[in-house]
Every structure is written in C-alpha cells, then in structure tokens.
Amino acid sequence: MTAFAEALARRQPDVLAETRTALANAAGPGLLVEAAAVAANFQRMVRIADSTGIPIDARSVAYGADVREELNLNRFGSAENTPPPSLWQRLFSPILRTVMRRKIRQMGRAHLQQNSTP
C-alpha cells in the first residue's frame, strides 16, 4: 500500500500500474478501490487547500517538509502561507516519518487479517 501511495504522489504511471496490480493481488480489489478513493479524496482536499491558500498546520510542517521539497510543492503561491519548518522540526521529521510508516504498515496488516478471516 505504501508503494501504491508513493507511486501516486510521485506521479509515476509505470510504477503505479505495477503497485496497483500488486495491491489488488495481495489485498483484493476492494481494498485497492478503497485505497484509490482515499488517495483521490486527499488529492481533492489538497487542491482545495492550495487554491484557497490554507496554510499547513504546525504538526504537518515537520512531517512533510522533505516531501514538499522533493515534489517541489513550494513552487505554488499558497506555499507562502506556510512558515518553513524550524530546526527542531527538520531534525524530528525523519523520526516521525519512520514511526508513522510502521504504524501505517501495522494498520494495513490488521486490515488484511480482519478481512481475510471468514
């Protein structure tokens, strides 16, 4: 699921096709549809937030600073509404990201177990 989400965020059509197939095979078409729906909803919310200039909240600034930089999201005008992360936030971000990835994987495994048991 993480690879699927990353392929969506990075806009990598070839990788997306592979991860979509892998996710459908591993978790079933229902979970693939749910994951795609969640991703689409986030895309919608991001576009609305960007078009209205809503700043990113303080907790998210630290977590996503490197992602925003890698995807060059600061090129959008509304990025001016979000202050840059502090030194502490930049240092803490990799730790938080690692913890969150583990938690997301645990949640995914729990979901698979819950839905595969009759």
PDB file of N, CA and C in Angstrom:
ATOM      1  N   MET A   1       0.828  -1.186   0.000  1.00  0.00           N
ATOM      2  CA  MET A   1       0.000   0.000   0.000  1.00  0.00           C
ATOM      3  C   MET A   1       0.875   1.254   0.000  1.00  0.00           C
ATOM      4  N   THR A   2       1.993   1.202   0.720  1.00  0.00           N
ATOM      5  CA  THR A   2       2.890   2.354   0.753  1.00  0.00           C
ATOM      6  C   THR A   2       3.454   2.631  -0.637  1.00  0.00           C
ATOM      7  N   ALA A   3       3.845   1.568  -1.337  1.00  0.00           N
ATOM      8  CA  ALA A   3       4.382   1.742  -2.690  1.00  0.00           C
ATOM      9  C   ALA A   3       3.322   2.330  -3.624  1.00  0.00           C
ATOM     10  N   PHE A   4       2.084   1.907  -3.468  1.00  0.00           N
ATOM     11  CA  PHE A   4       0.978   2.436  -4.265  1.00  0.00           C
ATOM     12  C   PHE A   4       0.807   3.930  -4.011  1.00  0.00           C
ATOM     13  N   ALA A   5       0.801   4.307  -2.733  1.00  0.00           N
ATOM     14  CA  ALA A   5       0.649   5.722  -2.372  1.00  0.00           C
ATOM     15  C   ALA A   5       1.816   6.555  -2.884  1.00  0.00           C
ATOM     16  N   GLU A   6       3.032   6.021  -2.771  1.00  0.00           N
ATOM     17  CA  GLU A   6       4.201   6.768  -3.253  1.00  0.00           C
ATOM     18  C   GLU A   6       4.169   6.933  -4.767  1.00  0.00           C
ATOM     19  N   ALA A   7       3.745   5.894  -5.480  1.00  0.00           N
ATOM     20  CA  ALA A   7       3.648   5.998  -6.938  1.00  0.00           C
ATOM     21  C   ALA A   7       2.616   7.042  -7.344  1.00  0.00           C
ATOM     22  N   LEU A   8       1.513   7.124  -6.594  1.00  0.00           N
ATOM     23  CA  LEU A   8       0.510   8.158  -6.855  1.00  0.00           C
ATOM     24  C   LEU A   8       1.084   9.546  -6.616  1.00  0.00           C
ATOM     25  N   ALA A   9       1.725   9.716  -5.462  1.00  0.00           N
ATOM     26  CA  ALA A   9       2.258  11.031  -5.100  1.00  0.00           C
ATOM     27  C   ALA A   9       3.369  11.474  -6.037  1.00  0.00           C
ATOM     28  N   ARG A  10       4.167  10.533  -6.489  1.00  0.00           N
ATOM     29  CA  ARG A  10       5.290  10.874  -7.372  1.00  0.00           C
ATOM     30  C   ARG A  10       4.895  10.916  -8.850  1.00  0.00           C
ATOM     31  N   ARG A  11       3.652  10.571  -9.113  1.00  0.00           N
ATOM     32  CA  ARG A  11       3.134  10.583 -10.487  1.00  0.00           C
ATOM     33  C   ARG A  11       3.991   9.744 -11.419  1.00  0.00           C
ATOM     34  N   GLN A  12       4.129   8.472 -11.046  1.00  0.00           N
ATOM     35  CA  GLN A  12       4.928   7.515 -11.812  1.00  0.00           C
ATOM     36  C   GLN A  12       3.987   6.466 -12.404  1.00  0.00           C
ATOM     37  N   PRO A  13       3.477   6.693 -13.605  1.00  0.00           N
ATOM     38  CA  PRO A  13       2.467   5.801 -14.179  1.00  0.00           C
ATOM     39  C   PRO A  13       2.896   4.336 -14.273  1.00  0.00           C
ATOM     40  N   ASP A  14       4.139   4.084 -14.670  1.00  0.00           N
ATOM     41  CA  ASP A  14       4.584   2.697 -14.803  1.00  0.00           C
ATOM     42  C   ASP A  14       4.636   2.004 -13.440  1.00  0.00           C
ATOM     43  N   VAL A  15       5.183   2.708 -12.468  1.00  0.00           N
ATOM     44  CA  VAL A  15       5.259   2.152 -11.111  1.00  0.00           C
ATOM     45  C   VAL A  15       3.854   2.011 -10.532  1.00  0.00           C
ATOM     46  N   LEU A  16       2.996   2.970 -10.809  1.00  0.00           N
ATOM     47  CA  LEU A  16       1.621   2.926 -10.319  1.00  0.00           C
ATOM     48  C   LEU A  16       0.897   1.688 -10.846  1.00  0.00           C
ATOM     49  N   ALA A  17       1.071   1.383 -12.114  1.00  0.00           N
ATOM     50  CA  ALA A  17       0.424   0.195 -12.687  1.00  0.00           C
ATOM     51  C   ALA A  17       0.901  -1.074 -11.975  1.00  0.00           C
ATOM     52  N   GLU A  18       2.188  -1.160 -11.702  1.00  0.00           N
ATOM     53  CA  GLU A  18       2.737  -2.327 -11.012  1.00  0.00           C
ATOM     54  C   GLU A  18       2.207  -2.426  -9.584  1.00  0.00           C
ATOM     55  N   THR A  19       2.225  -1.299  -8.866  1.00  0.00           N
ATOM     56  CA  THR A  19       1.799  -1.330  -7.467  1.00  0.00           C
ATOM     57  C   THR A  19       0.294  -1.547  -7.347  1.00  0.00           C
ATOM     58  N   ARG A  20      -0.451  -1.050  -8.304  1.00  0.00           N
ATOM     59  CA  ARG A  20      -1.899  -1.267  -8.300  1.00  0.00           C
ATOM     60  C   ARG A  20      -2.198  -2.762  -8.440  1.00  0.00           C
ATOM     61  N   THR A  21      -1.511  -3.408  -9.372  1.00  0.00           N
ATOM     62  CA  THR A  21      -1.691  -4.847  -9.566  1.00  0.00           C
ATOM     63  C   THR A  21      -1.256  -5.623  -8.328  1.00  0.00           C
ATOM     64  N   ALA A  22      -0.110  -5.250  -7.769  1.00  0.00           N
ATOM     65  CA  ALA A  22       0.397  -5.937  -6.577  1.00  0.00           C
ATOM     66  C   ALA A  22      -0.561  -5.776  -5.401  1.00  0.00           C
ATOM     67  N   LEU A  23      -1.104  -4.584  -5.225  1.00  0.00           N
ATOM     68  CA  LEU A  23      -2.031  -4.341  -4.125  1.00  0.00           C
ATOM     69  C   LEU A  23      -3.326  -5.128  -4.325  1.00  0.00           C
ATOM     70  N   ALA A  24      -3.827  -5.156  -5.542  1.00  0.00           N
ATOM     71  CA  ALA A  24      -5.051  -5.920  -5.823  1.00  0.00           C
ATOM     72  C   ALA A  24      -4.828  -7.409  -5.581  1.00  0.00           C
ATOM     73  N   ASN A  25      -3.662  -7.914  -5.981  1.00  0.00           N
ATOM     74  CA  ASN A  25      -3.357  -9.323  -5.768  1.00  0.00           C
ATOM     75  C   ASN A  25      -3.182  -9.651  -4.291  1.00  0.00           C
ATOM     76  N   ALA A  26      -2.554  -8.746  -3.534  1.00  0.00           N
ATOM     77  CA  ALA A  26      -2.272  -9.009  -2.119  1.00  0.00           C
ATOM     78  C   ALA A  26      -3.482  -8.789  -1.235  1.00  0.00           C
ATOM     79  N   ALA A  27      -4.264  -7.757  -1.529  1.00  0.00           N
ATOM     80  CA  ALA A  27      -5.335  -7.366  -0.608  1.00  0.00           C
ATOM     81  C   ALA A  27      -6.730  -7.476  -1.203  1.00  0.00           C
ATOM     82  N   GLY A  28      -6.805  -7.693  -2.494  1.00  0.00           N
ATOM     83  CA  GLY A  28      -8.107  -7.802  -3.139  1.00  0.00           C
ATOM     84  C   GLY A  28      -8.529  -6.495  -3.781  1.00  0.00           C
ATOM     85  N   PRO A  29      -9.418  -6.600  -4.755  1.00  0.00           N
ATOM     86  CA  PRO A  29      -9.848  -5.401  -5.475  1.00  0.00           C
ATOM     87  C   PRO A  29     -10.591  -4.403  -4.600  1.00  0.00           C
ATOM     88  N   GLY A  30     -11.265  -4.874  -3.574  1.00  0.00           N
ATOM     89  CA  GLY A  30     -11.998  -3.963  -2.688  1.00  0.00           C
ATOM     90  C   GLY A  30     -11.073  -3.006  -1.964  1.00  0.00           C
ATOM     91  N   LEU A  31      -9.976  -3.532  -1.438  1.00  0.00           N
ATOM     92  CA  LEU A  31      -9.030  -2.668  -0.735  1.00  0.00           C
ATOM     93  C   LEU A  31      -8.342  -1.718  -1.712  1.00  0.00           C
ATOM     94  N   LEU A  32      -8.073  -2.196  -2.924  1.00  0.00           N
ATOM     95  CA  LEU A  32      -7.485  -1.318  -3.937  1.00  0.00           C
ATOM     96  C   LEU A  32      -8.411  -0.142  -4.210  1.00  0.00           C
ATOM     97  N   VAL A  33      -9.690  -0.402  -4.356  1.00  0.00           N
ATOM     98  CA  VAL A  33     -10.653   0.673  -4.605  1.00  0.00           C
ATOM     99  C   VAL A  33     -10.696   1.627  -3.418  1.00  0.00           C
ATOM    100  N   GLU A  34     -10.684   1.087  -2.195  1.00  0.00           N
ATOM    101  CA  GLU A  34     -10.687   1.943  -1.008  1.00  0.00           C
ATOM    102  C   GLU A  34      -9.439   2.819  -0.950  1.00  0.00           C
ATOM    103  N   ALA A  35      -8.280   2.230  -1.242  1.00  0.00           N
ATOM    104  CA  ALA A  35      -7.022   2.992  -1.219  1.00  0.00           C
ATOM    105  C   ALA A  35      -7.040   4.086  -2.280  1.00  0.00           C
ATOM    106  N   ALA A  36      -7.521   3.764  -3.468  1.00  0.00           N
ATOM    107  CA  ALA A  36      -7.593   4.756  -4.542  1.00  0.00           C
ATOM    108  C   ALA A  36      -8.581   5.867  -4.186  1.00  0.00           C
ATOM    109  N   ALA A  37      -9.679   5.511  -3.539  1.00  0.00           N
ATOM    110  CA  ALA A  37     -10.663   6.519  -3.140  1.00  0.00           C
ATOM    111  C   ALA A  37     -10.083   7.459  -2.092  1.00  0.00           C
ATOM    112  N   VAL A  38      -9.351   6.912  -1.132  1.00  0.00           N
ATOM    113  CA  VAL A  38      -8.717   7.757  -0.115  1.00  0.00           C
ATOM    114  C   VAL A  38      -7.707   8.692  -0.773  1.00  0.00           C
ATOM    115  N   ALA A  39      -6.897   8.156  -1.683  1.00  0.00           N
ATOM    116  CA  ALA A  39      -5.910   8.983  -2.376  1.00  0.00           C
ATOM    117  C   ALA A  39      -6.586  10.082  -3.178  1.00  0.00           C
ATOM    118  N   ALA A  40      -7.660   9.745  -3.859  1.00  0.00           N
ATOM    119  CA  ALA A  40      -8.390  10.748  -4.650  1.00  0.00           C
ATOM    120  C   ALA A  40      -8.974  11.829  -3.747  1.00  0.00           C
ATOM    121  N   ASN A  41      -9.483  11.429  -2.600  1.00  0.00           N
ATOM    122  CA  ASN A  41     -10.050  12.403  -1.673  1.00  0.00           C
ATOM    123  C   ASN A  41      -8.965  13.349  -1.157  1.00  0.00           C
ATOM    124  N   PHE A  42      -7.798  12.803  -0.821  1.00  0.00           N
ATOM    125  CA  PHE A  42      -6.709  13.660  -0.374  1.00  0.00           C
ATOM    126  C   PHE A  42      -6.279  14.611  -1.490  1.00  0.00           C
ATOM    127  N   GLN A  43      -6.230  14.126  -2.716  1.00  0.00           N
ATOM    128  CA  GLN A  43      -5.862  14.975  -3.847  1.00  0.00           C
ATOM    129  C   GLN A  43      -6.853  16.137  -3.968  1.00  0.00           C
ATOM    130  N   ARG A  44      -8.120  15.813  -3.801  1.00  0.00           N
ATOM    131  CA  ARG A  44      -9.159  16.842  -3.864  1.00  0.00           C
ATOM    132  C   ARG A  44      -8.972  17.867  -2.754  1.00  0.00           C
ATOM    133  N   MET A  45      -8.752  17.382  -1.535  1.00  0.00           N
ATOM    134  CA  MET A  45      -8.592  18.303  -0.408  1.00  0.00           C
ATOM    135  C   MET A  45      -7.360  19.185  -0.577  1.00  0.00           C
ATOM    136  N   VAL A  46      -6.273  18.605  -1.082  1.00  0.00           N
ATOM    137  CA  VAL A  46      -5.041  19.374  -1.292  1.00  0.00           C
ATOM    138  C   VAL A  46      -5.275  20.463  -2.326  1.00  0.00           C
ATOM    139  N   ARG A  47      -5.969  20.134  -3.381  1.00  0.00           N
ATOM    140  CA  ARG A  47      -6.245  21.137  -4.417  1.00  0.00           C
ATOM    141  C   ARG A  47      -7.112  22.271  -3.879  1.00  0.00           C
ATOM    142  N   ILE A  48      -8.086  21.922  -3.066  1.00  0.00           N
ATOM    143  CA  ILE A  48      -8.936  22.957  -2.470  1.00  0.00           C
ATOM    144  C   ILE A  48      -8.107  23.828  -1.537  1.00  0.00           C
ATOM    145  N   ALA A  49      -7.308  23.187  -0.685  1.00  0.00           N
ATOM    146  CA  ALA A  49      -6.477  23.945   0.261  1.00  0.00           C
ATOM    147  C   ALA A  49      -5.493  24.841  -0.487  1.00  0.00           C
ATOM    148  N   ASP A  50      -4.887  24.310  -1.537  1.00  0.00           N
ATOM    149  CA  ASP A  50      -3.920  25.105  -2.291  1.00  0.00           C
ATOM    150  C   ASP A  50      -4.596  26.291  -2.971  1.00  0.00           C
ATOM    151  N   SER A  51      -5.770  26.064  -3.517  1.00  0.00           N
ATOM    152  CA  SER A  51      -6.431  27.155  -4.235  1.00  0.00           C
ATOM    153  C   SER A  51      -6.955  28.236  -3.296  1.00  0.00           C
ATOM    154  N   THR A  52      -7.221  27.883  -2.048  1.00  0.00           N
ATOM    155  CA  THR A  52      -7.710  28.879  -1.097  1.00  0.00           C
ATOM    156  C   THR A  52      -6.597  29.459  -0.234  1.00  0.00           C
ATOM    157  N   GLY A  53      -5.406  28.888  -0.314  1.00  0.00           N
ATOM    158  CA  GLY A  53      -4.275  29.424   0.438  1.00  0.00           C
ATOM    159  C   GLY A  53      -4.219  28.997   1.890  1.00  0.00           C
ATOM    160  N   ILE A  54      -4.874  27.897   2.232  1.00  0.00           N
ATOM    161  CA  ILE A  54      -4.863  27.419   3.615  1.00  0.00           C
ATOM    162  C   ILE A  54      -3.446  26.976   3.971  1.00  0.00           C
ATOM    163  N   PRO A  55      -2.903  27.490   5.069  1.00  0.00           N
ATOM    164  CA  PRO A  55      -1.553  27.069   5.462  1.00  0.00           C
ATOM    165  C   PRO A  55      -1.549  25.658   6.042  1.00  0.00           C
ATOM    166  N   ILE A  56      -0.426  25.012   5.963  1.00  0.00           N
ATOM    167  CA  ILE A  56      -0.259  23.691   6.562  1.00  0.00           C
ATOM    168  C   ILE A  56      -0.123  23.876   8.063  1.00  0.00           C
ATOM    169  N   ASP A  57      -0.783  23.020   8.842  1.00  0.00           N
ATOM    170  CA  ASP A  57      -0.720  23.161  10.289  1.00  0.00           C
ATOM    171  C   ASP A  57       0.685  22.838  10.810  1.00  0.00           C
ATOM    172  N   ALA A  58       0.985  23.310  12.004  1.00  0.00           N
ATOM    173  CA  ALA A  58       2.342  23.220  12.569  1.00  0.00           C
ATOM    174  C   ALA A  58       2.847  21.788  12.656  1.00  0.00           C
ATOM    175  N   ARG A  59       1.990  20.844  13.042  1.00  0.00           N
ATOM    176  CA  ARG A  59       2.445  19.456  13.145  1.00  0.00           C
ATOM    177  C   ARG A  59       2.816  18.879  11.788  1.00  0.00           C
ATOM    178  N   SER A  60       2.082  19.236  10.763  1.00  0.00           N
ATOM    179  CA  SER A  60       2.344  18.699   9.432  1.00  0.00           C
ATOM    180  C   SER A  60       3.554  19.337   8.771  1.00  0.00           C
ATOM    181  N   VAL A  61       3.911  20.541   9.180  1.00  0.00           N
ATOM    182  CA  VAL A  61       5.082  21.209   8.603  1.00  0.00           C
ATOM    183  C   VAL A  61       6.307  20.334   8.799  1.00  0.00           C
ATOM    184  N   ALA A  62       6.489  19.824   9.999  1.00  0.00           N
ATOM    185  CA  ALA A  62       7.661  18.998  10.298  1.00  0.00           C
ATOM    186  C   ALA A  62       7.616  17.683   9.548  1.00  0.00           C
ATOM    187  N   TYR A  63       6.468  17.035   9.531  1.00  0.00           N
ATOM    188  CA  TYR A  63       6.362  15.708   8.945  1.00  0.00           C
ATOM    189  C   TYR A  63       6.589  15.698   7.436  1.00  0.00           C
ATOM    190  N   GLY A  64       6.121  16.722   6.756  1.00  0.00           N
ATOM    191  CA  GLY A  64       6.161  16.677   5.302  1.00  0.00           C
ATOM    192  C   GLY A  64       7.134  17.606   4.616  1.00  0.00           C
ATOM    193  N   ALA A  65       8.035  18.234   5.375  1.00  0.00           N
ATOM    194  CA  ALA A  65       8.948  19.217   4.772  1.00  0.00           C
ATOM    195  C   ALA A  65       9.774  18.623   3.644  1.00  0.00           C
ATOM    196  N   ASP A  66      10.358  17.466   3.864  1.00  0.00           N
ATOM    197  CA  ASP A  66      11.199  16.882   2.822  1.00  0.00           C
ATOM    198  C   ASP A  66      10.377  16.394   1.634  1.00  0.00           C
ATOM    199  N   VAL A  67       9.153  15.949   1.892  1.00  0.00           N
ATOM    200  CA  VAL A  67       8.279  15.525   0.795  1.00  0.00           C
ATOM    201  C   VAL A  67       7.898  16.727  -0.060  1.00  0.00           C
ATOM    202  N   ARG A  68       7.539  17.837   0.615  1.00  0.00           N
ATOM    203  CA  ARG A  68       7.196  19.049  -0.140  1.00  0.00           C
ATOM    204  C   ARG A  68       8.386  19.523  -0.971  1.00  0.00           C
ATOM    205  N   GLU A  69       9.576  19.404  -0.404  1.00  0.00           N
ATOM    206  CA  GLU A  69      10.773  19.815  -1.141  1.00  0.00           C
ATOM    207  C   GLU A  69      11.028  18.886  -2.324  1.00  0.00           C
ATOM    208  N   GLU A  70      10.928  17.579  -2.092  1.00  0.00           N
ATOM    209  CA  GLU A  70      11.185  16.606  -3.157  1.00  0.00           C
ATOM    210  C   GLU A  70      10.195  16.753  -4.312  1.00  0.00           C
ATOM    211  N   LEU A  71       8.944  17.025  -3.984  1.00  0.00           N
ATOM    212  CA  LEU A  71       7.916  17.184  -5.016  1.00  0.00           C
ATOM    213  C   LEU A  71       7.807  18.617  -5.526  1.00  0.00           C
ATOM    214  N   ASN A  72       8.670  19.495  -5.004  1.00  0.00           N
ATOM    215  CA  ASN A  72       8.706  20.899  -5.398  1.00  0.00           C
ATOM    216  C   ASN A  72       7.352  21.586  -5.187  1.00  0.00           C
ATOM    217  N   LEU A  73       6.715  21.276  -4.065  1.00  0.00           N
ATOM    218  CA  LEU A  73       5.405  21.852  -3.783  1.00  0.00           C
ATOM    219  C   LEU A  73       5.489  23.310  -3.363  1.00  0.00           C
ATOM    220  N   ASN A  74       6.670  23.736  -2.971  1.00  0.00           N
ATOM    221  CA  ASN A  74       6.825  25.131  -2.563  1.00  0.00           C
ATOM    222  C   ASN A  74       6.757  26.094  -3.745  1.00  0.00           C
ATOM    223  N   ARG A  75       6.665  25.552  -4.950  1.00  0.00           N
ATOM    224  CA  ARG A  75       6.551  26.410  -6.136  1.00  0.00           C
ATOM    225  C   ARG A  75       5.168  27.055  -6.247  1.00  0.00           C
ATOM    226  N   PHE A  76       4.187  26.499  -5.534  1.00  0.00           N
ATOM    227  CA  PHE A  76       2.838  27.041  -5.582  1.00  0.00           C
ATOM    228  C   PHE A  76       2.742  28.285  -4.714  1.00  0.00           C
ATOM    229  N   GLY A  77       1.982  29.234  -5.175  1.00  0.00           N
ATOM    230  CA  GLY A  77       1.867  30.500  -4.468  1.00  0.00           C
ATOM    231  C   GLY A  77       1.397  30.371  -3.035  1.00  0.00           C
ATOM    232  N   SER A  78       0.505  29.429  -2.783  1.00  0.00           N
ATOM    233  CA  SER A  78      -0.021  29.290  -1.428  1.00  0.00           C
ATOM    234  C   SER A  78       1.015  28.751  -0.450  1.00  0.00           C
ATOM    235  N   ALA A  79       2.142  28.272  -0.940  1.00  0.00           N
ATOM    236  CA  ALA A  79       3.203  27.800  -0.039  1.00  0.00           C
ATOM    237  C   ALA A  79       3.717  28.940   0.832  1.00  0.00           C
ATOM    238  N   GLU A  80       3.549  30.164   0.365  1.00  0.00           N
ATOM    239  CA  GLU A  80       3.978  31.323   1.152  1.00  0.00           C
ATOM    240  C   GLU A  80       3.186  31.447   2.454  1.00  0.00           C
ATOM    241  N   ASN A  81       2.007  30.829   2.523  1.00  0.00           N
ATOM    242  CA  ASN A  81       1.169  30.897   3.718  1.00  0.00           C
ATOM    243  C   ASN A  81       1.647  29.969   4.827  1.00  0.00           C
ATOM    244  N   THR A  82       2.525  29.048   4.494  1.00  0.00           N
ATOM    245  CA  THR A  82       3.035  28.091   5.475  1.00  0.00           C
ATOM    246  C   THR A  82       4.465  28.452   5.829  1.00  0.00           C
ATOM    247  N   PRO A  83       4.725  28.668   7.112  1.00  0.00           N
ATOM    248  CA  PRO A  83       6.099  29.008   7.505  1.00  0.00           C
ATOM    249  C   PRO A  83       7.024  27.814   7.310  1.00  0.00           C
ATOM    250  N   PRO A  84       8.302  28.055   7.059  1.00  0.00           N
ATOM    251  CA  PRO A  84       9.229  26.932   6.908  1.00  0.00           C
ATOM    252  C   PRO A  84       9.386  26.205   8.245  1.00  0.00           C
ATOM    253  N   PRO A  85       9.739  24.918   8.198  1.00  0.00           N
ATOM    254  CA  PRO A  85       9.903  24.190   9.460  1.00  0.00           C
ATOM    255  C   PRO A  85      11.100  24.719  10.244  1.00  0.00           C
ATOM    256  N   SER A  86      10.969  24.644  11.553  1.00  0.00           N
ATOM    257  CA  SER A  86      12.068  25.065  12.422  1.00  0.00           C
ATOM    258  C   SER A  86      13.171  24.006  12.381  1.00  0.00           C
ATOM    259  N   LEU A  87      14.309  24.339  12.945  1.00  0.00           N
ATOM    260  CA  LEU A  87      15.412  23.379  13.014  1.00  0.00           C
ATOM    261  C   LEU A  87      14.968  22.127  13.748  1.00  0.00           C
ATOM    262  N   TRP A  88      14.275  22.292  14.878  1.00  0.00           N
ATOM    263  CA  TRP A  88      13.787  21.152  15.643  1.00  0.00           C
ATOM    264  C   TRP A  88      12.856  20.289  14.800  1.00  0.00           C
ATOM    265  N   GLN A  89      11.961  20.931  14.044  1.00  0.00           N
ATOM    266  CA  GLN A  89      11.035  20.189  13.199  1.00  0.00           C
ATOM    267  C   GLN A  89      11.770  19.427  12.100  1.00  0.00           C
ATOM    268  N   ARG A  90      12.771  20.043  11.501  1.00  0.00           N
ATOM    269  CA  ARG A  90      13.540  19.358  10.456  1.00  0.00           C
ATOM    270  C   ARG A  90      14.299  18.155  11.018  1.00  0.00           C
ATOM    271  N   LEU A  91      14.800  18.272  12.237  1.00  0.00           N
ATOM    272  CA  LEU A  91      15.524  17.171  12.856  1.00  0.00           C
ATOM    273  C   LEU A  91      14.580  16.046  13.289  1.00  0.00           C
ATOM    274  N   PHE A  92      13.386  16.404  13.741  1.00  0.00           N
ATOM    275  CA  PHE A  92      12.423  15.438  14.244  1.00  0.00           C
ATOM    276  C   PHE A  92      11.665  14.731  13.120  1.00  0.00           C
ATOM    277  N   SER A  93      11.563  15.341  11.965  1.00  0.00           N
ATOM    278  CA  SER A  93      10.771  14.827  10.860  1.00  0.00           C
ATOM    279  C   SER A  93      11.135  13.398  10.454  1.00  0.00           C
ATOM    280  N   PRO A  94      12.415  13.047  10.283  1.00  0.00           N
ATOM    281  CA  PRO A  94      12.730  11.662   9.891  1.00  0.00           C
ATOM    282  C   PRO A  94      12.284  10.626  10.925  1.00  0.00           C
ATOM    283  N   ILE A  95      12.364  10.969  12.184  1.00  0.00           N
ATOM    284  CA  ILE A  95      11.938  10.046  13.237  1.00  0.00           C
ATOM    285  C   ILE A  95      10.424   9.851  13.172  1.00  0.00           C
ATOM    286  N   LEU A  96       9.710  10.952  13.069  1.00  0.00           N
ATOM    287  CA  LEU A  96       8.252  10.894  12.992  1.00  0.00           C
ATOM    288  C   LEU A  96       7.807  10.100  11.763  1.00  0.00           C
ATOM    289  N   ARG A  97       8.440  10.329  10.649  1.00  0.00           N
ATOM    290  CA  ARG A  97       8.089   9.629   9.410  1.00  0.00           C
ATOM    291  C   ARG A  97       8.288   8.118   9.565  1.00  0.00           C
ATOM    292  N   THR A  98       9.387   7.710  10.196  1.00  0.00           N
ATOM    293  CA  THR A  98       9.660   6.290  10.413  1.00  0.00           C
ATOM    294  C   THR A  98       8.584   5.663  11.294  1.00  0.00           C
ATOM    295  N   VAL A  99       8.229   6.351  12.358  1.00  0.00           N
ATOM    296  CA  VAL A  99       7.196   5.850  13.268  1.00  0.00           C
ATOM    297  C   VAL A  99       5.860   5.741  12.535  1.00  0.00           C
ATOM    298  N   MET A 100       5.520   6.751  11.760  1.00  0.00           N
ATOM    299  CA  MET A 100       4.242   6.745  11.050  1.00  0.00           C
ATOM    300  C   MET A 100       4.189   5.641   9.994  1.00  0.00           C
ATOM    301  N   ARG A 101       5.276   5.405   9.289  1.00  0.00           N
ATOM    302  CA  ARG A 101       5.297   4.327   8.291  1.00  0.00           C
ATOM    303  C   ARG A 101       5.049   2.981   8.951  1.00  0.00           C
ATOM    304  N   ARG A 102       5.697   2.760  10.088  1.00  0.00           N
ATOM    305  CA  ARG A 102       5.482   1.498  10.811  1.00  0.00           C
ATOM    306  C   ARG A 102       4.032   1.362  11.243  1.00  0.00           C
ATOM    307  N   LYS A 103       3.463   2.442  11.742  1.00  0.00           N
ATOM    308  CA  LYS A 103       2.072   2.409  12.190  1.00  0.00           C
ATOM    309  C   LYS A 103       1.133   2.140  11.018  1.00  0.00           C
ATOM    310  N   ILE A 104       1.386   2.754   9.894  1.00  0.00           N
ATOM    311  CA  ILE A 104       0.544   2.549   8.711  1.00  0.00           C
ATOM    312  C   ILE A 104       0.642   1.098   8.244  1.00  0.00           C
ATOM    313  N   ARG A 105       1.843   0.543   8.261  1.00  0.00           N
ATOM    314  CA  ARG A 105       2.008  -0.870   7.879  1.00  0.00           C
ATOM    315  C   ARG A 105       1.252  -1.782   8.845  1.00  0.00           C
ATOM    316  N   GLN A 106       1.338  -1.495  10.131  1.00  0.00           N
ATOM    317  CA  GLN A 106       0.608  -2.295  11.125  1.00  0.00           C
ATOM    318  C   GLN A 106      -0.886  -2.226  10.871  1.00  0.00           C
ATOM    319  N   MET A 107      -1.373  -1.044  10.581  1.00  0.00           N
ATOM    320  CA  MET A 107      -2.797  -0.874  10.308  1.00  0.00           C
ATOM    321  C   MET A 107      -3.199  -1.645   9.054  1.00  0.00           C
ATOM    322  N   GLY A 108      -2.338  -1.611   8.031  1.00  0.00           N
ATOM    323  CA  GLY A 108      -2.610  -2.353   6.798  1.00  0.00           C
ATOM    324  C   GLY A 108      -2.661  -3.852   7.044  1.00  0.00           C
ATOM    325  N   ARG A 109      -1.706  -4.365   7.832  1.00  0.00           N
ATOM    326  CA  ARG A 109      -1.705  -5.797   8.154  1.00  0.00           C
ATOM    327  C   ARG A 109      -2.956  -6.173   8.943  1.00  0.00           C
ATOM    328  N   ALA A 110      -3.316  -5.343   9.898  1.00  0.00           N
ATOM    329  CA  ALA A 110      -4.517  -5.610  10.691  1.00  0.00           C
ATOM    330  C   ALA A 110      -5.760  -5.633   9.806  1.00  0.00           C
ATOM    331  N   HIS A 111      -5.804  -4.721   8.848  1.00  0.00           N
ATOM    332  CA  HIS A 111      -6.935  -4.666   7.926  1.00  0.00           C
ATOM    333  C   HIS A 111      -6.995  -5.943   7.081  1.00  0.00           C
ATOM    334  N   LEU A 112      -5.835  -6.380   6.591  1.00  0.00           N
ATOM    335  CA  LEU A 112      -5.790  -7.603   5.783  1.00  0.00           C
ATOM    336  C   LEU A 112      -6.235  -8.799   6.601  1.00  0.00           C
ATOM    337  N   GLN A 113      -5.745  -8.901   7.835  1.00  0.00           N
ATOM    338  CA  GLN A 113      -6.124 -10.029   8.691  1.00  0.00           C
ATOM    339  C   GLN A 113      -7.618 -10.009   8.993  1.00  0.00           C
ATOM    340  N   GLN A 114      -8.120  -8.832   9.256  1.00  0.00           N
ATOM    341  CA  GLN A 114      -9.530  -8.700   9.595  1.00  0.00           C
ATOM    342  C   GLN A 114     -10.420  -9.080   8.419  1.00  0.00           C
ATOM    343  N   ASN A 115     -10.002  -8.737   7.220  1.00  0.00           N
ATOM    344  CA  ASN A 115     -10.832  -9.000   6.040  1.00  0.00           C
ATOM    345  C   ASN A 115     -10.592 -10.366   5.413  1.00  0.00           C
ATOM    346  N   SER A 116      -9.541 -11.061   5.827  1.00  0.00           N
ATOM    347  CA  SER A 116      -9.284 -12.382   5.244  1.00  0.00           C
ATOM    348  C   SER A 116      -9.843 -13.508   6.105  1.00  0.00           C
ATOM    349  N   THR A 117     -10.273 -13.173   7.326  1.00  0.00           N
ATOM    350  CA  THR A 117     -10.834 -14.171   8.220  1.00  0.00           C
ATOM    351  C   THR A 117     -12.330 -14.277   7.968  1.00  0.00           C
ATOM    352  N   PRO A 118     -12.814 -15.515   7.712  1.00  0.00           N
ATOM    353  CA  PRO A 118     -14.274 -15.670   7.453  1.00  0.00           C
ATOM    354  C   PRO A 118     -15.119 -15.434   8.663  1.00  0.00           C
TER     355      PRO A 118
END
